[in-house]
């Protein structure tokens, strides 16, 4: 598992799917926003805007529930969410 630390550009909750913006802060990834649709990982810690938080960028993620191994996840139009 590969972890990295990013600075939150908004309030981030554990389990949010995040993208890194051009100013090197992480925000909730979302479909339909050209600056935030390239997800880089999943937050495993929470943090308010401006604070550091941890993100899994490679490896297994255990913060999701109700999934079947091998299922695909798709980025949602709700910031930080998937379907």
PDB file of N, CA and C in Angstrom:
ATOM      1  N   UNK A   1       0.851  -1.168   0.000  1.00  0.00           N
ATOM      2  CA  UNK A   1       0.000   0.000   0.000  1.00  0.00           C
ATOM      3  C   UNK A   1       0.901   1.237   0.000  1.00  0.00           C
ATOM      4  N   UNK A   2       0.588   2.177  -0.868  1.00  0.00           N
ATOM      5  CA  UNK A   2       1.338   3.426  -0.946  1.00  0.00           C
ATOM      6  C   UNK A   2       0.491   4.560  -0.387  1.00  0.00           C
ATOM      7  N   UNK A   3       1.041   5.231   0.619  1.00  0.00           N
ATOM      8  CA  UNK A   3       0.357   6.374   1.246  1.00  0.00           C
ATOM      9  C   UNK A   3       1.110   7.646   0.929  1.00  0.00           C
ATOM     10  N   UNK A   4       0.374   8.725   0.837  1.00  0.00           N
ATOM     11  CA  UNK A   4       0.987  10.039   0.719  1.00  0.00           C
ATOM     12  C   UNK A   4       0.148  11.022   1.518  1.00  0.00           C
ATOM     13  N   UNK A   5       0.715  12.178   1.784  1.00  0.00           N
ATOM     14  CA  UNK A   5       0.017  13.211   2.544  1.00  0.00           C
ATOM     15  C   UNK A   5      -0.220  14.405   1.627  1.00  0.00           C
ATOM     16  N   UNK A   6      -1.437  14.891   1.632  1.00  0.00           N
ATOM     17  CA  UNK A   6      -1.802  16.082   0.869  1.00  0.00           C
ATOM     18  C   UNK A   6      -2.372  17.133   1.813  1.00  0.00           C
ATOM     19  N   UNK A   7      -2.382  18.380   1.370  1.00  0.00           N
ATOM     20  CA  UNK A   7      -3.055  19.461   2.100  1.00  0.00           C
ATOM     21  C   UNK A   7      -4.464  19.572   1.544  1.00  0.00           C
ATOM     22  N   UNK A   8      -5.437  19.609   2.433  1.00  0.00           N
ATOM     23  CA  UNK A   8      -6.849  19.658   2.036  1.00  0.00           C
ATOM     24  C   UNK A   8      -7.228  21.042   1.514  1.00  0.00           C
ATOM     25  N   UNK A   9      -7.873  21.063   0.355  1.00  0.00           N
ATOM     26  CA  UNK A   9      -8.381  22.313  -0.203  1.00  0.00           C
ATOM     27  C   UNK A   9      -9.808  22.588   0.245  1.00  0.00           C
ATOM     28  N   UNK A  10     -10.395  21.626   0.954  1.00  0.00           N
ATOM     29  CA  UNK A  10     -11.738  21.732   1.510  1.00  0.00           C
ATOM     30  C   UNK A  10     -11.834  20.658   2.596  1.00  0.00           C
ATOM     31  N   UNK A  11     -12.909  20.589   3.320  1.00  0.00           N
ATOM     32  CA  UNK A  11     -13.070  19.540   4.329  1.00  0.00           C
ATOM     33  C   UNK A  11     -13.091  18.181   3.640  1.00  0.00           C
ATOM     34  N   UNK A  12     -12.234  17.280   4.102  1.00  0.00           N
ATOM     35  CA  UNK A  12     -12.111  15.945   3.525  1.00  0.00           C
ATOM     36  C   UNK A  12     -12.467  14.919   4.598  1.00  0.00           C
ATOM     37  N   UNK A  13     -13.242  13.910   4.214  1.00  0.00           N
ATOM     38  CA  UNK A  13     -13.596  12.823   5.125  1.00  0.00           C
ATOM     39  C   UNK A  13     -12.924  11.539   4.672  1.00  0.00           C
ATOM     40  N   UNK A  14     -12.592  10.675   5.626  1.00  0.00           N
ATOM     41  CA  UNK A  14     -12.051   9.363   5.277  1.00  0.00           C
ATOM     42  C   UNK A  14     -13.036   8.678   4.333  1.00  0.00           C
ATOM     43  N   UNK A  15     -12.519   8.103   3.259  1.00  0.00           N
ATOM     44  CA  UNK A  15     -13.357   7.453   2.260  1.00  0.00           C
ATOM     45  C   UNK A  15     -13.650   8.316   1.051  1.00  0.00           C
ATOM     46  N   UNK A  16     -13.382   9.628   1.139  1.00  0.00           N
ATOM     47  CA  UNK A  16     -13.585  10.489  -0.027  1.00  0.00           C
ATOM     48  C   UNK A  16     -12.558  10.164  -1.106  1.00  0.00           C
ATOM     49  N   UNK A  17     -12.997  10.185  -2.336  1.00  0.00           N
ATOM     50  CA  UNK A  17     -12.098  10.046  -3.479  1.00  0.00           C
ATOM     51  C   UNK A  17     -11.574  11.442  -3.786  1.00  0.00           C
ATOM     52  N   UNK A  18     -10.248  11.573  -3.910  1.00  0.00           N
ATOM     53  CA  UNK A  18      -9.668  12.906  -4.039  1.00  0.00           C
ATOM     54  C   UNK A  18      -8.864  13.065  -5.325  1.00  0.00           C
ATOM     55  N   UNK A  19      -8.765  14.312  -5.753  1.00  0.00           N
ATOM     56  CA  UNK A  19      -7.963  14.726  -6.899  1.00  0.00           C
ATOM     57  C   UNK A  19      -7.059  15.860  -6.438  1.00  0.00           C
ATOM     58  N   UNK A  20      -5.934  16.039  -7.108  1.00  0.00           N
ATOM     59  CA  UNK A  20      -5.020  17.124  -6.770  1.00  0.00           C
ATOM     60  C   UNK A  20      -5.177  18.216  -7.818  1.00  0.00           C
ATOM     61  N   UNK A  21      -5.393  19.437  -7.351  1.00  0.00           N
ATOM     62  CA  UNK A  21      -5.609  20.565  -8.259  1.00  0.00           C
ATOM     63  C   UNK A  21      -4.284  21.180  -8.686  1.00  0.00           C
ATOM     64  N   UNK A  22      -4.339  22.121  -9.600  1.00  0.00           N
ATOM     65  CA  UNK A  22      -3.126  22.738 -10.134  1.00  0.00           C
ATOM     66  C   UNK A  22      -2.323  23.488  -9.081  1.00  0.00           C
ATOM     67  N   UNK A  23      -2.959  23.872  -7.977  1.00  0.00           N
ATOM     68  CA  UNK A  23      -2.218  24.556  -6.912  1.00  0.00           C
ATOM     69  C   UNK A  23      -1.760  23.580  -5.824  1.00  0.00           C
ATOM     70  N   UNK A  24      -1.714  22.284  -6.182  1.00  0.00           N
ATOM     71  CA  UNK A  24      -1.164  21.215  -5.330  1.00  0.00           C
ATOM     72  C   UNK A  24      -1.910  20.981  -4.025  1.00  0.00           C
ATOM     73  N   UNK A  25      -3.195  21.251  -4.009  1.00  0.00           N
ATOM     74  CA  UNK A  25      -4.012  20.871  -2.861  1.00  0.00           C
ATOM     75  C   UNK A  25      -4.983  19.786  -3.317  1.00  0.00           C
ATOM     76  N   UNK A  26      -5.415  18.976  -2.382  1.00  0.00           N
ATOM     77  CA  UNK A  26      -6.350  17.904  -2.706  1.00  0.00           C
ATOM     78  C   UNK A  26      -7.770  18.351  -2.411  1.00  0.00           C
ATOM     79  N   UNK A  27      -8.639  18.041  -3.349  1.00  0.00           N
ATOM     80  CA  UNK A  27     -10.065  18.331  -3.205  1.00  0.00           C
ATOM     81  C   UNK A  27     -10.837  17.078  -3.550  1.00  0.00           C
ATOM     82  N   UNK A  28     -12.100  17.034  -3.204  1.00  0.00           N
ATOM     83  CA  UNK A  28     -12.943  15.887  -3.542  1.00  0.00           C
ATOM     84  C   UNK A  28     -13.061  15.799  -5.058  1.00  0.00           C
ATOM     85  N   UNK A  29     -12.769  14.619  -5.593  1.00  0.00           N
ATOM     86  CA  UNK A  29     -12.879  14.407  -7.034  1.00  0.00           C
ATOM     87  C   UNK A  29     -14.355  14.393  -7.422  1.00  0.00           C
ATOM     88  N   UNK A  30     -14.642  14.872  -8.634  1.00  0.00           N
ATOM     89  CA  UNK A  30     -16.026  14.933  -9.097  1.00  0.00           C
ATOM     90  C   UNK A  30     -16.069  14.920 -10.626  1.00  0.00           C
ATOM     91  N   UNK A  31     -17.043  14.206 -11.171  1.00  0.00           N
ATOM     92  CA  UNK A  31     -17.272  14.195 -12.616  1.00  0.00           C
ATOM     93  C   UNK A  31     -17.818  15.563 -13.017  1.00  0.00           C
ATOM     94  N   UNK A  32     -17.418  16.047 -14.170  1.00  0.00           N
ATOM     95  CA  UNK A  32     -17.970  17.301 -14.679  1.00  0.00           C
ATOM     96  C   UNK A  32     -17.173  18.532 -14.308  1.00  0.00           C
ATOM     97  N   UNK A  33     -16.102  18.376 -13.541  1.00  0.00           N
ATOM     98  CA  UNK A  33     -15.245  19.508 -13.190  1.00  0.00           C
ATOM     99  C   UNK A  33     -13.851  19.181 -13.713  1.00  0.00           C
ATOM    100  N   UNK A  34     -13.435  19.866 -14.750  1.00  0.00           N
ATOM    101  CA  UNK A  34     -12.167  19.562 -15.410  1.00  0.00           C
ATOM    102  C   UNK A  34     -10.971  19.672 -14.475  1.00  0.00           C
ATOM    103  N   UNK A  35     -11.092  20.401 -13.378  1.00  0.00           N
ATOM    104  CA  UNK A  35      -9.969  20.538 -12.447  1.00  0.00           C
ATOM    105  C   UNK A  35      -9.969  19.456 -11.374  1.00  0.00           C
ATOM    106  N   UNK A  36     -11.047  18.646 -11.295  1.00  0.00           N
ATOM    107  CA  UNK A  36     -11.135  17.679 -10.203  1.00  0.00           C
ATOM    108  C   UNK A  36     -11.614  16.289 -10.626  1.00  0.00           C
ATOM    109  N   UNK A  37     -11.543  15.954 -11.911  1.00  0.00           N
ATOM    110  CA  UNK A  37     -12.065  14.650 -12.311  1.00  0.00           C
ATOM    111  C   UNK A  37     -10.995  13.561 -12.355  1.00  0.00           C
ATOM    112  N   UNK A  38      -9.730  13.903 -12.234  1.00  0.00           N
ATOM    113  CA  UNK A  38      -8.660  12.898 -12.248  1.00  0.00           C
ATOM    114  C   UNK A  38      -8.340  12.467 -10.819  1.00  0.00           C
ATOM    115  N   UNK A  39      -8.994  11.423 -10.387  1.00  0.00           N
ATOM    116  CA  UNK A  39      -8.803  10.936  -9.020  1.00  0.00           C
ATOM    117  C   UNK A  39      -7.397  10.369  -8.847  1.00  0.00           C
ATOM    118  N   UNK A  40      -6.785  10.650  -7.696  1.00  0.00           N
ATOM    119  CA  UNK A  40      -5.452  10.129  -7.399  1.00  0.00           C
ATOM    120  C   UNK A  40      -5.470   9.104  -6.278  1.00  0.00           C
ATOM    121  N   UNK A  41      -6.554   9.054  -5.506  1.00  0.00           N
ATOM    122  CA  UNK A  41      -6.602   8.099  -4.414  1.00  0.00           C
ATOM    123  C   UNK A  41      -7.808   8.290  -3.529  1.00  0.00           C
ATOM    124  N   UNK A  42      -7.758   7.606  -2.378  1.00  0.00           N
ATOM    125  CA  UNK A  42      -8.857   7.618  -1.416  1.00  0.00           C
ATOM    126  C   UNK A  42      -8.324   8.079  -0.064  1.00  0.00           C
ATOM    127  N   UNK A  43      -8.982   9.063   0.526  1.00  0.00           N
ATOM    128  CA  UNK A  43      -8.574   9.559   1.838  1.00  0.00           C
ATOM    129  C   UNK A  43      -8.789   8.479   2.895  1.00  0.00           C
ATOM    130  N   UNK A  44      -7.780   8.273   3.745  1.00  0.00           N
ATOM    131  CA  UNK A  44      -7.942   7.322   4.850  1.00  0.00           C
ATOM    132  C   UNK A  44      -7.992   8.039   6.190  1.00  0.00           C
ATOM    133  N   UNK A  45      -7.706   9.331   6.183  1.00  0.00           N
ATOM    134  CA  UNK A  45      -7.914  10.166   7.367  1.00  0.00           C
ATOM    135  C   UNK A  45      -8.734  11.371   6.939  1.00  0.00           C
ATOM    136  N   UNK A  46      -9.319  12.048   7.890  1.00  0.00           N
ATOM    137  CA  UNK A  46     -10.127  13.241   7.609  1.00  0.00           C
ATOM    138  C   UNK A  46      -9.342  14.488   7.982  1.00  0.00           C
ATOM    139  N   UNK A  47      -9.768  15.626   7.443  1.00  0.00           N
ATOM    140  CA  UNK A  47      -9.134  16.882   7.814  1.00  0.00           C
ATOM    141  C   UNK A  47      -9.901  18.075   7.285  1.00  0.00           C
ATOM    142  N   UNK A  48      -9.876  19.166   8.046  1.00  0.00           N
ATOM    143  CA  UNK A  48     -10.512  20.394   7.564  1.00  0.00           C
ATOM    144  C   UNK A  48      -9.644  21.066   6.503  1.00  0.00           C
ATOM    145  N   UNK A  49     -10.209  22.008   5.793  1.00  0.00           N
ATOM    146  CA  UNK A  49      -9.470  22.744   4.767  1.00  0.00           C
ATOM    147  C   UNK A  49      -8.176  23.301   5.338  1.00  0.00           C
ATOM    148  N   UNK A  50      -7.094  23.128   4.597  1.00  0.00           N
ATOM    149  CA  UNK A  50      -5.794  23.637   4.996  1.00  0.00           C
ATOM    150  C   UNK A  50      -4.951  22.672   5.805  1.00  0.00           C
ATOM    151  N   UNK A  51      -5.524  21.575   6.241  1.00  0.00           N
ATOM    152  CA  UNK A  51      -4.778  20.623   7.073  1.00  0.00           C
ATOM    153  C   UNK A  51      -4.271  19.450   6.240  1.00  0.00           C
ATOM    154  N   UNK A  52      -3.236  18.765   6.729  1.00  0.00           N
ATOM    155  CA  UNK A  52      -2.755  17.575   6.033  1.00  0.00           C
ATOM    156  C   UNK A  52      -3.642  16.370   6.325  1.00  0.00           C
ATOM    157  N   UNK A  53      -3.732  15.460   5.355  1.00  0.00           N
ATOM    158  CA  UNK A  53      -4.464  14.212   5.549  1.00  0.00           C
ATOM    159  C   UNK A  53      -3.818  13.143   4.675  1.00  0.00           C
ATOM    160  N   UNK A  54      -4.038  11.875   5.018  1.00  0.00           N
ATOM    161  CA  UNK A  54      -3.408  10.764   4.301  1.00  0.00           C
ATOM    162  C   UNK A  54      -4.313  10.208   3.208  1.00  0.00           C
ATOM    163  N   UNK A  55      -3.669   9.799   2.108  1.00  0.00           N
ATOM    164  CA  UNK A  55      -4.379   9.249   0.955  1.00  0.00           C
ATOM    165  C   UNK A  55      -3.682   7.966   0.508  1.00  0.00           C
ATOM    166  N   UNK A  56      -4.469   6.917   0.266  1.00  0.00           N
ATOM    167  CA  UNK A  56      -3.945   5.714  -0.377  1.00  0.00           C
ATOM    168  C   UNK A  56      -3.935   5.996  -1.875  1.00  0.00           C
ATOM    169  N   UNK A  57      -2.741   5.933  -2.469  1.00  0.00           N
ATOM    170  CA  UNK A  57      -2.628   6.179  -3.903  1.00  0.00           C
ATOM    171  C   UNK A  57      -2.358   4.903  -4.684  1.00  0.00           C
ATOM    172  N   UNK A  58      -2.083   3.806  -3.978  1.00  0.00           N
ATOM    173  CA  UNK A  58      -1.858   2.527  -4.627  1.00  0.00           C
ATOM    174  C   UNK A  58      -2.055   1.420  -3.600  1.00  0.00           C
ATOM    175  N   UNK A  59      -2.853   0.440  -3.931  1.00  0.00           N
ATOM    176  CA  UNK A  59      -3.066  -0.681  -3.021  1.00  0.00           C
ATOM    177  C   UNK A  59      -4.527  -0.847  -2.674  1.00  0.00           C
ATOM    178  N   UNK A  60      -4.779  -1.773  -1.759  1.00  0.00           N
ATOM    179  CA  UNK A  60      -6.150  -2.060  -1.348  1.00  0.00           C
ATOM    180  C   UNK A  60      -6.684  -0.981  -0.418  1.00  0.00           C
ATOM    181  N   UNK A  61      -7.960  -0.677  -0.612  1.00  0.00           N
ATOM    182  CA  UNK A  61      -8.647   0.314   0.211  1.00  0.00           C
ATOM    183  C   UNK A  61      -9.745  -0.409   0.981  1.00  0.00           C
ATOM    184  N   UNK A  62      -9.778  -0.219   2.289  1.00  0.00           N
ATOM    185  CA  UNK A  62     -10.741  -0.935   3.122  1.00  0.00           C
ATOM    186  C   UNK A  62     -11.782  -0.009   3.754  1.00  0.00           C
ATOM    187  N   UNK A  63     -11.968   1.180   3.201  1.00  0.00           N
ATOM    188  CA  UNK A  63     -12.939   2.117   3.774  1.00  0.00           C
ATOM    189  C   UNK A  63     -14.312   2.004   3.138  1.00  0.00           C
ATOM    190  N   UNK A  64     -14.438   1.254   2.050  1.00  0.00           N
ATOM    191  CA  UNK A  64     -15.714   1.104   1.370  1.00  0.00           C
ATOM    192  C   UNK A  64     -16.515  -0.029   1.998  1.00  0.00           C
ATOM    193  N   UNK A  65     -17.819   0.008   1.838  1.00  0.00           N
ATOM    194  CA  UNK A  65     -18.651  -1.087   2.337  1.00  0.00           C
ATOM    195  C   UNK A  65     -19.670  -1.466   1.266  1.00  0.00           C
ATOM    196  N   UNK A  66     -20.160  -2.694   1.343  1.00  0.00           N
ATOM    197  CA  UNK A  66     -21.185  -3.148   0.421  1.00  0.00           C
ATOM    198  C   UNK A  66     -20.701  -3.453  -0.981  1.00  0.00           C
ATOM    199  N   UNK A  67     -19.398  -3.661  -1.137  1.00  0.00           N
ATOM    200  CA  UNK A  67     -18.857  -3.937  -2.468  1.00  0.00           C
ATOM    201  C   UNK A  67     -18.517  -5.416  -2.610  1.00  0.00           C
ATOM    202  N   UNK A  68     -18.469  -5.869  -3.845  1.00  0.00           N
ATOM    203  CA  UNK A  68     -18.082  -7.234  -4.164  1.00  0.00           C
ATOM    204  C   UNK A  68     -16.678  -7.183  -4.767  1.00  0.00           C
ATOM    205  N   UNK A  69     -15.751  -8.038  -4.278  1.00  0.00           N
ATOM    206  CA  UNK A  69     -14.402  -8.030  -4.858  1.00  0.00           C
ATOM    207  C   UNK A  69     -14.446  -8.135  -6.381  1.00  0.00           C
ATOM    208  N   UNK A  70     -13.675  -7.283  -7.039  1.00  0.00           N
ATOM    209  CA  UNK A  70     -13.624  -7.270  -8.494  1.00  0.00           C
ATOM    210  C   UNK A  70     -14.585  -6.296  -9.140  1.00  0.00           C
ATOM    211  N   UNK A  71     -15.532  -5.764  -8.380  1.00  0.00           N
ATOM    212  CA  UNK A  71     -16.457  -4.769  -8.934  1.00  0.00           C
ATOM    213  C   UNK A  71     -15.703  -3.490  -9.283  1.00  0.00           C
ATOM    214  N   UNK A  72     -16.183  -2.804 -10.293  1.00  0.00           N
ATOM    215  CA  UNK A  72     -15.616  -1.514 -10.659  1.00  0.00           C
ATOM    216  C   UNK A  72     -16.339  -0.406  -9.903  1.00  0.00           C
ATOM    217  N   UNK A  73     -15.602   0.647  -9.571  1.00  0.00           N
ATOM    218  CA  UNK A  73     -16.189   1.854  -8.985  1.00  0.00           C
ATOM    219  C   UNK A  73     -16.073   2.962 -10.016  1.00  0.00           C
ATOM    220  N   UNK A  74     -17.070   3.822 -10.057  1.00  0.00           N
ATOM    221  CA  UNK A  74     -17.063   4.949 -10.977  1.00  0.00           C
ATOM    222  C   UNK A  74     -17.208   6.232 -10.186  1.00  0.00           C
ATOM    223  N   UNK A  75     -16.459   7.241 -10.583  1.00  0.00           N
ATOM    224  CA  UNK A  75     -16.533   8.542  -9.937  1.00  0.00           C
ATOM    225  C   UNK A  75     -17.914   9.138 -10.151  1.00  0.00           C
ATOM    226  N   UNK A  76     -18.461   9.721  -9.101  1.00  0.00           N
ATOM    227  CA  UNK A  76     -19.816  10.273  -9.126  1.00  0.00           C
ATOM    228  C   UNK A  76     -19.800  11.763  -9.433  1.00  0.00           C
ATOM    229  N   UNK A  77     -20.984  12.307  -9.704  1.00  0.00           N
ATOM    230  CA  UNK A  77     -21.099  13.767  -9.841  1.00  0.00           C
ATOM    231  C   UNK A  77     -21.360  14.407  -8.479  1.00  0.00           C
ATOM    232  N   UNK A  78     -21.329  13.612  -7.422  1.00  0.00           N
ATOM    233  CA  UNK A  78     -21.348  14.121  -6.041  1.00  0.00           C
ATOM    234  C   UNK A  78     -19.907  14.157  -5.576  1.00  0.00           C
ATOM    235  N   UNK A  79     -19.345  15.318  -5.233  1.00  0.00           N
ATOM    236  CA  UNK A  79     -17.931  15.411  -4.885  1.00  0.00           C
ATOM    237  C   UNK A  79     -17.489  14.379  -3.850  1.00  0.00           C
ATOM    238  N   UNK A  80     -16.399  13.669  -4.202  1.00  0.00           N
ATOM    239  CA  UNK A  80     -15.807  12.694  -3.305  1.00  0.00           C
ATOM    240  C   UNK A  80     -16.463  11.340  -3.291  1.00  0.00           C
ATOM    241  N   UNK A  81     -17.529  11.158  -4.055  1.00  0.00           N
ATOM    242  CA  UNK A  81     -18.313   9.938  -3.999  1.00  0.00           C
ATOM    243  C   UNK A  81     -18.115   9.056  -5.232  1.00  0.00           C
ATOM    244  N   UNK A  82     -18.649   7.864  -5.128  1.00  0.00           N
ATOM    245  CA  UNK A  82     -18.576   6.885  -6.198  1.00  0.00           C
ATOM    246  C   UNK A  82     -19.912   6.186  -6.327  1.00  0.00           C
ATOM    247  N   UNK A  83     -20.070   5.449  -7.399  1.00  0.00           N
ATOM    248  CA  UNK A  83     -21.247   4.587  -7.559  1.00  0.00           C
ATOM    249  C   UNK A  83     -20.801   3.311  -8.228  1.00  0.00           C
TER     250      UNK A  83
END
